[in-house]
Every structure is written in C-alpha cells, then in structure tokens.
Amino acid sequence: MSKILYITGSRESVMTLEERRAWIRLVVAVLAYAAYAVVVAARAAGGPLTDVPYGGVLLLSVGGAIAASVLAETFLGGRSREIDVRDREIGRFGDHTAQSFVVIGAVAGMLMAIAGWDHFWIANVIYLCFVLSAVLGGVTKVILYRTGMPW
C-alpha cells in the first residue's frame, strides 16, 4: 500500500501535502456519497424515491464528508506545509476542471425547478454534481501529480 501512495520515506518518493489532500478528498467524497445512496435506497425499500426522507441524510453526508476530510488531512497530512509552483499549477488546473460539474449541477437544478420537478430530484442532482466535481478534480490532480503537467 505504501508503494501505491509512495509514502515510503525516501526523499524522491514522498507524496506532497497537496497530493495527499487530493487523495483524501477524492476518497472521502466517494465514500460519503456511496453511504448516502445506500441509506436512501434502503429507506426507499422498493417504494418511490421521492417519498424517502432524504434531507437529514444528505446534510449528514455533506457535513460528515467535510469533517472527515479535515480530520484526515490533519492526521495524514504530514508535517510539511510547503506548497511549490507545481502544487499551485496542479491545484488550479484540477479546480478549473472540476468547476464544470458545479455549473452543470446549478443549471440542471435551476431548470428542474423551473420545470416543477420534485425537490428530491433537484437536491440529488445538485449533490451528485458536487460529488462528481470533487471526484473529477481529485482524479485530475492525482493524474497530474503522477504524470506531470501537459505543457
């Protein structure tokens, strides 16, 4: 496992703080959304999803993901807080890439509200797009840390 995350301790193979943060946020986003989806599906028990009380679980999932990320970054982040030019470029590129899903989610939620869709679907499309944004940003950053910037 340490070889995958190359945190073995040799100077050349140490994962930077920002790459570690990207991994943590990526994993936490996927796990939190998966837990939310499982709870909502279990509550539906074959019935219509729009009848499921989802608000508390959704807020708990978002809050839990934020708290888990902060805790994981605190305990797994390491001591070094140095951020270099490469970290900034990768962070900026990953954030710009991920913003597309935030915009897609906002526009989709707005159009669904105008069309009179149920609140369940509007909230879930927006939440799904937030998660996809976090996943796309995390994957982009991890790939760039592994392969380098394309220019």
Foldseek 3Di string as FASTA:
>chain_A
DCVVQQCPPDPVRHDALLLQLLVLLQVLLVVLVVVLVVVLVVQCVPHDSLPGPRVVSLVCSVVVSVVSSVVCCVVVSDDDPDDDPQSVVLLVVLLVQLVVLQVVLVVVLVVCVVVPHRPVVNVVSNSVSNSSSSNSSSVSSNVCVVPNDPD
